[in-house]
C-alpha atoms as a PDB file:
ATOM      1  CA  UNK A   1       3.472  -4.482 -55.928  1.00  0.00           C
ATOM      2  CA  UNK A   2       6.522  -3.448 -53.823  1.00  0.00           C
ATOM      3  CA  UNK A   3       6.050  -0.039 -53.204  1.00  0.00           C
ATOM      4  CA  UNK A   4       9.901   1.214 -53.581  1.00  0.00           C
ATOM      5  CA  UNK A   5      10.400   4.577 -52.360  1.00  0.00           C
ATOM      6  CA  UNK A   6      14.074   6.339 -53.057  1.00  0.00           C
ATOM      7  CA  UNK A   7      15.624  10.026 -52.180  1.00  0.00           C
ATOM      8  CA  UNK A   8      16.176  11.362 -56.271  1.00  0.00           C
ATOM      9  CA  UNK A   9      18.833  14.310 -55.631  1.00  0.00           C
ATOM     10  CA  UNK A  10      18.745  15.446 -58.989  1.00  0.00           C
ATOM     11  CA  UNK A  11      14.478  16.296 -58.869  1.00  0.00           C
ATOM     12  CA  UNK A  12      15.069  16.932 -55.452  1.00  0.00           C
ATOM     13  CA  UNK A  13      12.239  14.729 -53.589  1.00  0.00           C
ATOM     14  CA  UNK A  14      11.531  11.417 -53.146  1.00  0.00           C
ATOM     15  CA  UNK A  15      10.171   9.188 -55.882  1.00  0.00           C
ATOM     16  CA  UNK A  16       7.908   5.603 -55.980  1.00  0.00           C
ATOM     17  CA  UNK A  17       8.260   3.044 -57.784  1.00  0.00           C
ATOM     18  CA  UNK A  18       6.183   0.042 -57.602  1.00  0.00           C
ATOM     19  CA  UNK A  19       7.826  -3.342 -59.039  1.00  0.00           C
ATOM     20  CA  UNK A  20       7.638  -6.740 -58.296  1.00  0.00           C
ATOM     21  CA  UNK A  21      10.800  -8.046 -57.530  1.00  0.00           C
ATOM     22  CA  UNK A  22      13.523  -5.478 -56.915  1.00  0.00           C
ATOM     23  CA  UNK A  23      16.060  -5.546 -60.030  1.00  0.00           C
ATOM     24  CA  UNK A  24      19.440  -6.685 -59.079  1.00  0.00           C
ATOM     25  CA  UNK A  25      21.095  -3.578 -61.032  1.00  0.00           C
ATOM     26  CA  UNK A  26      19.038  -1.038 -59.570  1.00  0.00           C
ATOM     27  CA  UNK A  27      20.364   2.492 -59.221  1.00  0.00           C
ATOM     28  CA  UNK A  28      18.550   3.956 -56.600  1.00  0.00           C
ATOM     29  CA  UNK A  29      20.246   6.224 -53.879  1.00  0.00           C
ATOM     30  CA  UNK A  30      20.372   5.309 -50.485  1.00  0.00           C
ATOM     31  CA  UNK A  31      18.481   5.245 -48.008  1.00  0.00           C
ATOM     32  CA  UNK A  32      15.532   2.985 -49.684  1.00  0.00           C
ATOM     33  CA  UNK A  33      12.294   2.070 -48.051  1.00  0.00           C
ATOM     34  CA  UNK A  34      10.589  -0.721 -49.162  1.00  0.00           C
ATOM     35  CA  UNK A  35       7.149  -1.047 -48.339  1.00  0.00           C
ATOM     36  CA  UNK A  36       5.528  -4.270 -48.173  1.00  0.00           C
ATOM     37  CA  UNK A  37       1.779  -3.815 -47.492  1.00  0.00           C
ATOM     38  CA  UNK A  38       0.305  -4.847 -51.128  1.00  0.00           C
ATOM     39  CA  UNK A  39       3.386  -7.278 -52.017  1.00  0.00           C
ATOM     40  CA  UNK A  40       1.633 -10.820 -52.325  1.00  0.00           C
ATOM     41  CA  UNK A  41       3.143 -13.608 -50.401  1.00  0.00           C
ATOM     42  CA  UNK A  42       5.740 -15.285 -53.354  1.00  0.00           C
ATOM     43  CA  UNK A  43       6.869 -11.203 -53.693  1.00  0.00           C
ATOM     44  CA  UNK A  44       7.600 -10.768 -50.142  1.00  0.00           C
ATOM     45  CA  UNK A  45       9.172 -13.724 -50.204  1.00  0.00           C
ATOM     46  CA  UNK A  46      11.469 -13.533 -53.146  1.00  0.00           C
ATOM     47  CA  UNK A  47      12.417 -10.014 -52.021  1.00  0.00           C
ATOM     48  CA  UNK A  48      13.556 -11.054 -48.889  1.00  0.00           C
ATOM     49  CA  UNK A  49      15.294 -14.115 -50.655  1.00  0.00           C
ATOM     50  CA  UNK A  50      16.986 -11.519 -52.503  1.00  0.00           C
ATOM     51  CA  UNK A  51      18.487  -9.425 -49.628  1.00  0.00           C
ATOM     52  CA  UNK A  52      20.037 -12.281 -48.329  1.00  0.00           C
ATOM     53  CA  UNK A  53      17.516 -12.144 -45.218  1.00  0.00           C
ATOM     54  CA  UNK A  54      18.206 -15.455 -42.909  1.00  0.00           C
ATOM     55  CA  UNK A  55      14.712 -18.026 -42.807  1.00  0.00           C
ATOM     56  CA  UNK A  56      14.375 -17.093 -39.442  1.00  0.00           C
ATOM     57  CA  UNK A  57      14.369 -13.981 -39.567  1.00  0.00           C
ATOM     58  CA  UNK A  58      12.177 -13.753 -42.694  1.00  0.00           C
ATOM     59  CA  UNK A  59       9.527 -16.403 -41.315  1.00  0.00           C
ATOM     60  CA  UNK A  60       9.025 -14.232 -38.106  1.00  0.00           C
ATOM     61  CA  UNK A  61       8.959 -11.137 -40.307  1.00  0.00           C
ATOM     62  CA  UNK A  62       5.809 -12.323 -42.534  1.00  0.00           C
ATOM     63  CA  UNK A  63       3.770 -13.477 -39.563  1.00  0.00           C
ATOM     64  CA  UNK A  64       0.479 -11.052 -39.262  1.00  0.00           C
ATOM     65  CA  UNK A  65       0.695 -12.363 -35.385  1.00  0.00           C
ATOM     66  CA  UNK A  66       4.005 -12.155 -33.604  1.00  0.00           C
ATOM     67  CA  UNK A  67       5.060 -11.192 -30.013  1.00  0.00           C
ATOM     68  CA  UNK A  68       6.912  -8.064 -29.786  1.00  0.00           C
ATOM     69  CA  UNK A  69      10.462  -9.139 -30.665  1.00  0.00           C
ATOM     70  CA  UNK A  70      13.968  -7.779 -31.599  1.00  0.00           C
ATOM     71  CA  UNK A  71      16.342 -10.028 -33.717  1.00  0.00           C
ATOM     72  CA  UNK A  72      19.663  -9.026 -35.572  1.00  0.00           C
ATOM     73  CA  UNK A  73      21.417 -11.513 -38.292  1.00  0.00           C
ATOM     74  CA  UNK A  74      24.189 -10.068 -40.686  1.00  0.00           C
ATOM     75  CA  UNK A  75      23.517  -7.025 -41.543  1.00  0.00           C
ATOM     76  CA  UNK A  76      19.815  -6.541 -40.502  1.00  0.00           C
ATOM     77  CA  UNK A  77      17.467  -5.865 -38.014  1.00  0.00           C
ATOM     78  CA  UNK A  78      14.417  -7.732 -37.313  1.00  0.00           C
ATOM     79  CA  UNK A  79      11.658  -5.487 -34.843  1.00  0.00           C
ATOM     80  CA  UNK A  80       8.099  -6.066 -34.322  1.00  0.00           C
ATOM     81  CA  UNK A  81       6.245  -4.097 -32.635  1.00  0.00           C
ATOM     82  CA  UNK A  82       2.750  -4.141 -31.521  1.00  0.00           C
ATOM     83  CA  UNK A  83       0.746  -0.181 -31.285  1.00  0.00           C
ATOM     84  CA  UNK A  84      -3.411  -0.111 -29.862  1.00  0.00           C
ATOM     85  CA  UNK A  85      -5.766   0.142 -32.660  1.00  0.00           C
ATOM     86  CA  UNK A  86      -8.711   0.301 -30.730  1.00  0.00           C
ATOM     87  CA  UNK A  87     -10.771   3.766 -29.139  1.00  0.00           C
ATOM     88  CA  UNK A  88     -10.731   2.490 -25.918  1.00  0.00           C
ATOM     89  CA  UNK A  89     -10.467  -0.242 -23.583  1.00  0.00           C
ATOM     90  CA  UNK A  90     -13.635  -1.217 -23.405  1.00  0.00           C
ATOM     91  CA  UNK A  91     -12.310  -3.849 -25.542  1.00  0.00           C
ATOM     92  CA  UNK A  92      -9.954  -5.262 -27.847  1.00  0.00           C
ATOM     93  CA  UNK A  93     -10.176  -6.302 -31.453  1.00  0.00           C
ATOM     94  CA  UNK A  94      -7.130  -6.187 -33.096  1.00  0.00           C
ATOM     95  CA  UNK A  95      -3.096  -5.291 -32.386  1.00  0.00           C
ATOM     96  CA  UNK A  96      -1.780  -3.191 -35.060  1.00  0.00           C
ATOM     97  CA  UNK A  97       1.531  -5.048 -35.669  1.00  0.00           C
ATOM     98  CA  UNK A  98       4.368  -3.220 -37.805  1.00  0.00           C
ATOM     99  CA  UNK A  99       7.163  -5.881 -38.767  1.00  0.00           C
ATOM    100  CA  UNK A 100      10.202  -3.840 -39.574  1.00  0.00           C
ATOM    101  CA  UNK A 101      13.574  -5.148 -41.041  1.00  0.00           C
ATOM    102  CA  UNK A 102      16.425  -2.435 -41.535  1.00  0.00           C
ATOM    103  CA  UNK A 103      20.152  -2.559 -42.422  1.00  0.00           C
ATOM    104  CA  UNK A 104      22.360   0.835 -42.860  1.00  0.00           C
ATOM    105  CA  UNK A 105      20.629   1.970 -46.099  1.00  0.00           C
ATOM    106  CA  UNK A 106      17.339   0.107 -46.086  1.00  0.00           C
ATOM    107  CA  UNK A 107      13.791  -0.049 -44.409  1.00  0.00           C
ATOM    108  CA  UNK A 108      11.490  -2.918 -44.922  1.00  0.00           C
ATOM    109  CA  UNK A 109       8.037  -2.250 -43.154  1.00  0.00           C
ATOM    110  CA  UNK A 110       4.810  -4.360 -43.105  1.00  0.00           C
ATOM    111  CA  UNK A 111       1.572  -3.019 -41.173  1.00  0.00           C
ATOM    112  CA  UNK A 112      -1.342  -5.197 -40.205  1.00  0.00           C
ATOM    113  CA  UNK A 113      -3.791  -2.499 -38.978  1.00  0.00           C
ATOM    114  CA  UNK A 114      -7.108  -1.909 -40.255  1.00  0.00           C
ATOM    115  CA  UNK A 115      -7.275   1.458 -38.003  1.00  0.00           C
ATOM    116  CA  UNK A 116      -7.326   4.359 -41.116  1.00  0.00           C
ATOM    117  CA  UNK A 117      -5.558   6.803 -39.191  1.00  0.00           C
ATOM    118  CA  UNK A 118      -2.716   4.761 -37.054  1.00  0.00           C
ATOM    119  CA  UNK A 119      -2.188   3.215 -40.328  1.00  0.00           C
ATOM    120  CA  UNK A 120      -1.175   7.213 -41.992  1.00  0.00           C
ATOM    121  CA  UNK A 121       0.487   7.607 -38.487  1.00  0.00           C
ATOM    122  CA  UNK A 122       2.640   4.389 -38.935  1.00  0.00           C
ATOM    123  CA  UNK A 123       4.486   5.048 -42.050  1.00  0.00           C
ATOM    124  CA  UNK A 124       7.770   6.409 -42.235  1.00  0.00           C
ATOM    125  CA  UNK A 125       8.300  10.687 -42.519  1.00  0.00           C
ATOM    126  CA  UNK A 126       9.843  11.266 -46.012  1.00  0.00           C
ATOM    127  CA  UNK A 127      11.522  14.073 -45.428  1.00  0.00           C
ATOM    128  CA  UNK A 128      15.376  14.960 -46.905  1.00  0.00           C
ATOM    129  CA  UNK A 129      17.747  12.237 -45.574  1.00  0.00           C
ATOM    130  CA  UNK A 130      19.842  13.200 -43.082  1.00  0.00           C
ATOM    131  CA  UNK A 131      22.987  11.659 -41.604  1.00  0.00           C
ATOM    132  CA  UNK A 132      21.213   8.705 -40.181  1.00  0.00           C
ATOM    133  CA  UNK A 133      17.676   8.161 -41.948  1.00  0.00           C
ATOM    134  CA  UNK A 134      16.845   4.438 -41.285  1.00  0.00           C
ATOM    135  CA  UNK A 135      17.164   5.267 -37.706  1.00  0.00           C
ATOM    136  CA  UNK A 136      15.417   8.363 -37.522  1.00  0.00           C
ATOM    137  CA  UNK A 137      12.835   5.972 -39.800  1.00  0.00           C
ATOM    138  CA  UNK A 138      12.732   3.383 -36.988  1.00  0.00           C
ATOM    139  CA  UNK A 139      12.658   5.805 -34.046  1.00  0.00           C
ATOM    140  CA  UNK A 140      10.007   7.741 -34.936  1.00  0.00           C
ATOM    141  CA  UNK A 141       8.084   4.460 -35.601  1.00  0.00           C
ATOM    142  CA  UNK A 142       8.550   3.017 -32.087  1.00  0.00           C
ATOM    143  CA  UNK A 143       7.683   6.933 -30.708  1.00  0.00           C
ATOM    144  CA  UNK A 144       4.316   6.661 -32.974  1.00  0.00           C
ATOM    145  CA  UNK A 145       4.063   2.995 -31.485  1.00  0.00           C
ATOM    146  CA  UNK A 146       4.362   3.883 -27.794  1.00  0.00           C
ATOM    147  CA  UNK A 147       2.286   7.596 -28.559  1.00  0.00           C
ATOM    148  CA  UNK A 148      -1.206   5.131 -29.165  1.00  0.00           C
ATOM    149  CA  UNK A 149      -1.132   3.809 -25.992  1.00  0.00           C
ATOM    150  CA  UNK A 150      -0.472   7.431 -23.939  1.00  0.00           C
ATOM    151  CA  UNK A 151      -2.841   9.088 -25.448  1.00  0.00           C
ATOM    152  CA  UNK A 152      -5.738   6.553 -25.041  1.00  0.00           C
ATOM    153  CA  UNK A 153      -4.424   5.339 -21.118  1.00  0.00           C
ATOM    154  CA  UNK A 154      -4.585   9.379 -20.337  1.00  0.00           C
ATOM    155  CA  UNK A 155      -8.536   9.148 -21.725  1.00  0.00           C
ATOM    156  CA  UNK A 156      -9.058   6.742 -19.624  1.00  0.00           C
ATOM    157  CA  UNK A 157      -7.549   8.121 -16.624  1.00  0.00           C
ATOM    158  CA  UNK A 158     -10.578  10.012 -16.370  1.00  0.00           C
ATOM    159  CA  UNK A 159     -12.812   7.636 -17.283  1.00  0.00           C
ATOM    160  CA  UNK A 160     -11.669   5.462 -13.898  1.00  0.00           C
ATOM    161  CA  UNK A 161     -12.239   8.555 -11.859  1.00  0.00           C
ATOM    162  CA  UNK A 162     -15.856   8.719 -12.892  1.00  0.00           C
ATOM    163  CA  UNK A 163     -15.706   5.161 -13.104  1.00  0.00           C
ATOM    164  CA  UNK A 164     -15.064   5.170  -9.080  1.00  0.00           C
ATOM    165  CA  UNK A 165     -17.581   7.769  -8.316  1.00  0.00           C
ATOM    166  CA  UNK A 166     -20.295   6.170  -9.715  1.00  0.00           C
ATOM    167  CA  UNK A 167     -19.375   2.843  -8.104  1.00  0.00           C
ATOM    168  CA  UNK A 168     -19.315   4.816  -4.891  1.00  0.00           C
ATOM    169  CA  UNK A 169     -23.060   6.650  -5.159  1.00  0.00           C
ATOM    170  CA  UNK A 170     -24.537   3.889  -6.863  1.00  0.00           C
ATOM    171  CA  UNK A 171     -22.264   0.309  -7.600  1.00  0.00           C
ATOM    172  CA  UNK A 172     -24.331  -2.237  -9.866  1.00  0.00           C
ATOM    173  CA  UNK A 173     -23.929  -4.452 -12.076  1.00  0.00           C
ATOM    174  CA  UNK A 174     -23.776  -2.547 -15.515  1.00  0.00           C
ATOM    175  CA  UNK A 175     -20.523  -1.157 -13.895  1.00  0.00           C
ATOM    176  CA  UNK A 176     -19.536  -4.297 -12.908  1.00  0.00           C
ATOM    177  CA  UNK A 177     -19.952  -5.461 -16.220  1.00  0.00           C
ATOM    178  CA  UNK A 178     -17.735  -2.733 -17.726  1.00  0.00           C
ATOM    179  CA  UNK A 179     -15.147  -3.036 -15.236  1.00  0.00           C
ATOM    180  CA  UNK A 180     -14.229  -6.957 -15.739  1.00  0.00           C
ATOM    181  CA  UNK A 181     -14.045  -5.569 -19.262  1.00  0.00           C
ATOM    182  CA  UNK A 182     -11.845  -3.121 -18.945  1.00  0.00           C
ATOM    183  CA  UNK A 183      -9.748  -5.534 -16.472  1.00  0.00           C
ATOM    184  CA  UNK A 184      -9.313  -7.475 -19.637  1.00  0.00           C
ATOM    185  CA  UNK A 185      -8.007  -5.664 -21.912  1.00  0.00           C
ATOM    186  CA  UNK A 186      -5.384  -3.455 -19.851  1.00  0.00           C
ATOM    187  CA  UNK A 187      -4.367  -7.065 -18.897  1.00  0.00           C
ATOM    188  CA  UNK A 188      -3.208  -8.016 -22.968  1.00  0.00           C
ATOM    189  CA  UNK A 189      -2.300  -4.308 -23.145  1.00  0.00           C
ATOM    190  CA  UNK A 190      -0.034  -4.712 -20.248  1.00  0.00           C
ATOM    191  CA  UNK A 191       1.416  -7.923 -21.980  1.00  0.00           C
ATOM    192  CA  UNK A 192       1.847  -6.287 -24.783  1.00  0.00           C
ATOM    193  CA  UNK A 193       4.039  -3.360 -23.257  1.00  0.00           C
ATOM    194  CA  UNK A 194       5.569  -5.721 -20.644  1.00  0.00           C
ATOM    195  CA  UNK A 195       7.016  -7.319 -24.373  1.00  0.00           C
ATOM    196  CA  UNK A 196       8.101  -4.040 -25.610  1.00  0.00           C
ATOM    197  CA  UNK A 197       9.856  -2.982 -22.504  1.00  0.00           C
ATOM    198  CA  UNK A 198      11.640  -6.298 -22.266  1.00  0.00           C
ATOM    199  CA  UNK A 199      13.261  -5.413 -25.669  1.00  0.00           C
ATOM    200  CA  UNK A 200      14.484  -1.909 -25.015  1.00  0.00           C
ATOM    201  CA  UNK A 201      15.637  -2.797 -21.148  1.00  0.00           C
ATOM    202  CA  UNK A 202      17.650  -5.975 -23.050  1.00  0.00           C
ATOM    203  CA  UNK A 203      19.315  -3.267 -25.646  1.00  0.00           C
ATOM    204  CA  UNK A 204      19.537  -1.168 -22.794  1.00  0.00           C
ATOM    205  CA  UNK A 205      21.656  -2.993 -20.351  1.00  0.00           C
ATOM    206  CA  UNK A 206      23.824  -5.419 -22.346  1.00  0.00           C
ATOM    207  CA  UNK A 207      27.075  -4.518 -24.180  1.00  0.00           C
ATOM    208  CA  UNK A 208      27.307  -4.830 -27.348  1.00  0.00           C
ATOM    209  CA  UNK A 209      23.298  -5.304 -28.545  1.00  0.00           C
ATOM    210  CA  UNK A 210      22.895  -4.715 -32.009  1.00  0.00           C
ATOM    211  CA  UNK A 211      20.292  -1.763 -31.156  1.00  0.00           C
ATOM    212  CA  UNK A 212      23.810   0.429 -29.765  1.00  0.00           C
ATOM    213  CA  UNK A 213      25.237   0.093 -33.287  1.00  0.00           C
ATOM    214  CA  UNK A 214      22.265   2.174 -34.656  1.00  0.00           C
ATOM    215  CA  UNK A 215      20.681   4.700 -31.673  1.00  0.00           C
ATOM    216  CA  UNK A 216      22.490   6.929 -29.302  1.00  0.00           C
ATOM    217  CA  UNK A 217      22.126   5.415 -25.984  1.00  0.00           C
ATOM    218  CA  UNK A 218      19.807   8.808 -25.354  1.00  0.00           C
ATOM    219  CA  UNK A 219      17.488   7.291 -27.766  1.00  0.00           C
ATOM    220  CA  UNK A 220      17.609   3.550 -26.300  1.00  0.00           C
ATOM    221  CA  UNK A 221      16.693   5.025 -23.223  1.00  0.00           C
ATOM    222  CA  UNK A 222      14.044   6.755 -24.443  1.00  0.00           C
ATOM    223  CA  UNK A 223      11.873   4.028 -26.171  1.00  0.00           C
ATOM    224  CA  UNK A 224      12.775   2.078 -22.397  1.00  0.00           C
ATOM    225  CA  UNK A 225      11.244   4.600 -20.294  1.00  0.00           C
ATOM    226  CA  UNK A 226       8.221   5.162 -22.338  1.00  0.00           C
ATOM    227  CA  UNK A 227       7.115   1.467 -22.655  1.00  0.00           C
ATOM    228  CA  UNK A 228       8.200   1.640 -18.986  1.00  0.00           C
ATOM    229  CA  UNK A 229       5.652   3.976 -17.946  1.00  0.00           C
ATOM    230  CA  UNK A 230       3.434   2.942 -20.154  1.00  0.00           C
ATOM    231  CA  UNK A 231       3.448  -0.420 -18.548  1.00  0.00           C
ATOM    232  CA  UNK A 232       3.301   1.032 -15.159  1.00  0.00           C
ATOM    233  CA  UNK A 233       0.258   2.999 -15.979  1.00  0.00           C
ATOM    234  CA  UNK A 234      -1.647   0.174 -17.096  1.00  0.00           C
ATOM    235  CA  UNK A 235      -1.158  -2.405 -14.061  1.00  0.00           C
ATOM    236  CA  UNK A 236      -1.871   0.687 -11.701  1.00  0.00           C
ATOM    237  CA  UNK A 237      -5.227   1.019 -13.618  1.00  0.00           C
ATOM    238  CA  UNK A 238      -5.806  -2.901 -13.683  1.00  0.00           C
ATOM    239  CA  UNK A 239      -5.383  -2.341  -9.709  1.00  0.00           C
ATOM    240  CA  UNK A 240      -7.220  -0.079  -9.410  1.00  0.00           C
ATOM    241  CA  UNK A 241      -9.990  -1.612 -11.220  1.00  0.00           C
ATOM    242  CA  UNK A 242      -9.459  -4.626  -9.255  1.00  0.00           C
ATOM    243  CA  UNK A 243     -10.195  -2.724  -6.258  1.00  0.00           C
ATOM    244  CA  UNK A 244     -13.497  -1.526  -7.160  1.00  0.00           C
ATOM    245  CA  UNK A 245     -14.537  -4.448  -8.289  1.00  0.00           C
ATOM    246  CA  UNK A 246     -13.548  -6.295  -4.709  1.00  0.00           C
ATOM    247  CA  UNK A 247     -15.299  -3.235  -2.980  1.00  0.00           C
ATOM    248  CA  UNK A 248     -18.519  -3.833  -4.996  1.00  0.00           C
ATOM    249  CA  UNK A 249     -18.199  -7.643  -4.356  1.00  0.00           C
ATOM    250  CA  UNK A 250     -17.681  -7.294  -0.344  1.00  0.00           C
ATOM    251  CA  UNK A 251     -20.329  -4.254  -0.542  1.00  0.00           C
ATOM    252  CA  UNK A 252     -22.754  -7.136  -1.909  1.00  0.00           C
ATOM    253  CA  UNK A 253     -21.587  -9.775   0.280  1.00  0.00           C
ATOM    254  CA  UNK A 254     -22.376  -7.108   2.940  1.00  0.00           C
ATOM    255  CA  UNK A 255     -25.520  -6.586   1.927  1.00  0.00           C
ATOM    256  CA  UNK A 256     -26.610 -10.138   1.461  1.00  0.00           C
ATOM    257  CA  UNK A 257     -25.005 -11.199   5.167  1.00  0.00           C
ATOM    258  CA  UNK A 258     -27.449  -8.199   6.438  1.00  0.00           C
ATOM    259  CA  UNK A 259     -30.429  -9.690   4.398  1.00  0.00           C
ATOM    260  CA  UNK A 260     -29.342 -13.368   5.686  1.00  0.00           C
ATOM    261  CA  UNK A 261     -29.610 -12.131   9.263  1.00  0.00           C
ATOM    262  CA  UNK A 262     -33.025 -11.114   8.963  1.00  0.00           C
ATOM    263  CA  UNK A 263     -34.066 -13.839   7.772  1.00  0.00           C
ATOM    264  CA  UNK A 264     -32.373 -15.892  10.394  1.00  0.00           C
ATOM    265  CA  UNK A 265     -34.194 -13.772  13.067  1.00  0.00           C
ATOM    266  CA  UNK A 266     -37.461 -14.147  11.515  1.00  0.00           C
ATOM    267  CA  UNK A 267     -36.644 -17.952  10.976  1.00  0.00           C
ATOM    268  CA  UNK A 268     -35.579 -18.019  14.898  1.00  0.00           C
ATOM    269  CA  UNK A 269     -38.904 -16.981  16.165  1.00  0.00           C
ATOM    270  CA  UNK A 270     -40.932 -18.711  14.276  1.00  0.00           C
ATOM    271  CA  UNK A 271     -39.465 -22.372  14.333  1.00  0.00           C
ATOM    272  CA  UNK A 272     -40.410 -22.714  17.884  1.00  0.00           C
ATOM    273  CA  UNK A 273     -43.877 -21.145  17.422  1.00  0.00           C
ATOM    274  CA  UNK A 274     -44.248 -23.615  14.336  1.00  0.00           C
ATOM    275  CA  UNK A 275     -43.738 -26.742  16.817  1.00  0.00           C
ATOM    276  CA  UNK A 276     -46.068 -25.486  19.448  1.00  0.00           C
ATOM    277  CA  UNK A 277     -48.483 -24.908  16.773  1.00  0.00           C
ATOM    278  CA  UNK A 278     -47.404 -28.404  15.412  1.00  0.00           C
ATOM    279  CA  UNK A 279     -47.874 -29.709  18.353  1.00  0.00           C
ATOM    280  CA  UNK A 280     -51.288 -28.871  18.885  1.00  0.00           C
ATOM    281  CA  UNK A 281     -52.454 -29.517  15.338  1.00  0.00           C
ATOM    282  CA  UNK A 282     -51.555 -33.502  16.385  1.00  0.00           C
ATOM    283  CA  UNK A 283     -55.307 -35.278  16.226  1.00  0.00           C
ATOM    284  CA  UNK A 284     -55.229 -37.601  19.309  1.00  0.00           C
ATOM    285  CA  UNK A 285     -58.248 -38.434  21.363  1.00  0.00           C
ATOM    286  CA  UNK A 286     -56.311 -37.953  24.738  1.00  0.00           C
ATOM    287  CA  UNK A 287     -55.138 -34.478  24.813  1.00  0.00           C
ATOM    288  CA  UNK A 288     -55.312 -33.163  27.958  1.00  0.00           C
ATOM    289  CA  UNK A 289     -54.704 -29.789  27.124  1.00  0.00           C
ATOM    290  CA  UNK A 290     -57.728 -30.025  24.914  1.00  0.00           C
ATOM    291  CA  UNK A 291     -60.163 -29.788  27.310  1.00  0.00           C
ATOM    292  CA  UNK A 292     -58.782 -26.629  29.501  1.00  0.00           C
ATOM    293  CA  UNK A 293     -60.959 -23.883  29.076  1.00  0.00           C
ATOM    294  CA  UNK A 294     -58.577 -21.059  28.841  1.00  0.00           C
ATOM    295  CA  UNK A 295     -56.468 -23.634  26.899  1.00  0.00           C
ATOM    296  CA  UNK A 296     -56.628 -21.514  23.444  1.00  0.00           C
ATOM    297  CA  UNK A 297     -55.544 -18.193  25.449  1.00  0.00           C
ATOM    298  CA  UNK A 298     -52.483 -19.612  27.192  1.00  0.00           C
ATOM    299  CA  UNK A 299     -51.243 -21.288  24.494  1.00  0.00           C
ATOM    300  CA  UNK A 300     -50.965 -18.208  22.217  1.00  0.00           C
ATOM    301  CA  UNK A 301     -49.741 -16.327  25.363  1.00  0.00           C
ATOM    302  CA  UNK A 302     -46.594 -18.882  25.647  1.00  0.00           C
ATOM    303  CA  UNK A 303     -46.362 -18.274  21.335  1.00  0.00           C
ATOM    304  CA  UNK A 304     -46.296 -14.506  21.719  1.00  0.00           C
ATOM    305  CA  UNK A 305     -43.990 -15.022  25.112  1.00  0.00           C
ATOM    306  CA  UNK A 306     -41.376 -17.628  22.732  1.00  0.00           C
ATOM    307  CA  UNK A 307     -41.740 -14.387  20.057  1.00  0.00           C
ATOM    308  CA  UNK A 308     -41.004 -10.996  22.477  1.00  0.00           C
ATOM    309  CA  UNK A 309     -38.259 -13.051  24.501  1.00  0.00           C
ATOM    310  CA  UNK A 310     -36.286 -13.845  21.632  1.00  0.00           C
ATOM    311  CA  UNK A 311     -36.778 -10.230  19.936  1.00  0.00           C
ATOM    312  CA  UNK A 312     -35.641  -9.156  23.270  1.00  0.00           C
ATOM    313  CA  UNK A 313     -32.718 -11.339  23.042  1.00  0.00           C
ATOM    314  CA  UNK A 314     -31.764 -10.082  19.804  1.00  0.00           C
ATOM    315  CA  UNK A 315     -32.300  -6.729  20.720  1.00  0.00           C
ATOM    316  CA  UNK A 316     -29.833  -7.832  23.956  1.00  0.00           C
ATOM    317  CA  UNK A 317     -27.005  -9.182  21.276  1.00  0.00           C
ATOM    318  CA  UNK A 318     -27.169  -6.098  19.058  1.00  0.00           C
ATOM    319  CA  UNK A 319     -28.217  -8.029  16.143  1.00  0.00           C
ATOM    320  CA  UNK A 320     -31.205  -5.692  14.924  1.00  0.00           C
END
């Protein structure tokens, strides 16, 4: 069913009506908010057709997954925004996608989000209509979308500081895994914010842009600055996590190199000793040294001298 919300000046408040199709002779006082959250696909397509929405715009509006975009055809504008629905940046389970179709007098919304609190926030505030109620609703929803990122990023800033301290004092593979998950989520979030930042940048810097007819220049600048700041924060946190990851890898590589140096020194000492032991372990009858009275002790002394000489040489090279 299609939820039709309209303001009744005689009753002095907002009224709601559930319909399967908007009547052609409906006498609702603008502005109208048509919520298609509970509408079937057939009801949605019929409504869009009745309102004369362009086919390409209707197709994009009906999609459950679509990158943020803006399009204007005729009297209607399509605005697709993505909010952040998860509690933190440890994983990204879904994107809260808000599809808006609006004209001077009508706002059509469809929200794809399972997070109940965010669902309630991404609803137009039905207060007494002002001069530009539709623009006010779209402005409020846009600011709510940006706020869904900002509050999580501010919390993550403190988490990142704690993570840096933990990595500095005692980094481990568990923290490394956590940082890799954070980086993956932040990269996806950054992509969504870049789309929305560019969307409002086009509206702000292009002459005769359709959004300039709906919003004041100050509002568009506010939208752009908010998403640009969010995008910059996300990129900065991603770079900080990358530095932590590289630092941990460098530290781990250094520790491995130190262990390999010790093993190399041990091997360098015992390889010549093993060679000597191998020579005198051969079972030939005519080995002159076998009949020497002090041969055993001389051989052990030679092997000890080789070992000590190697250690002194390594010390001279400052390898230990």
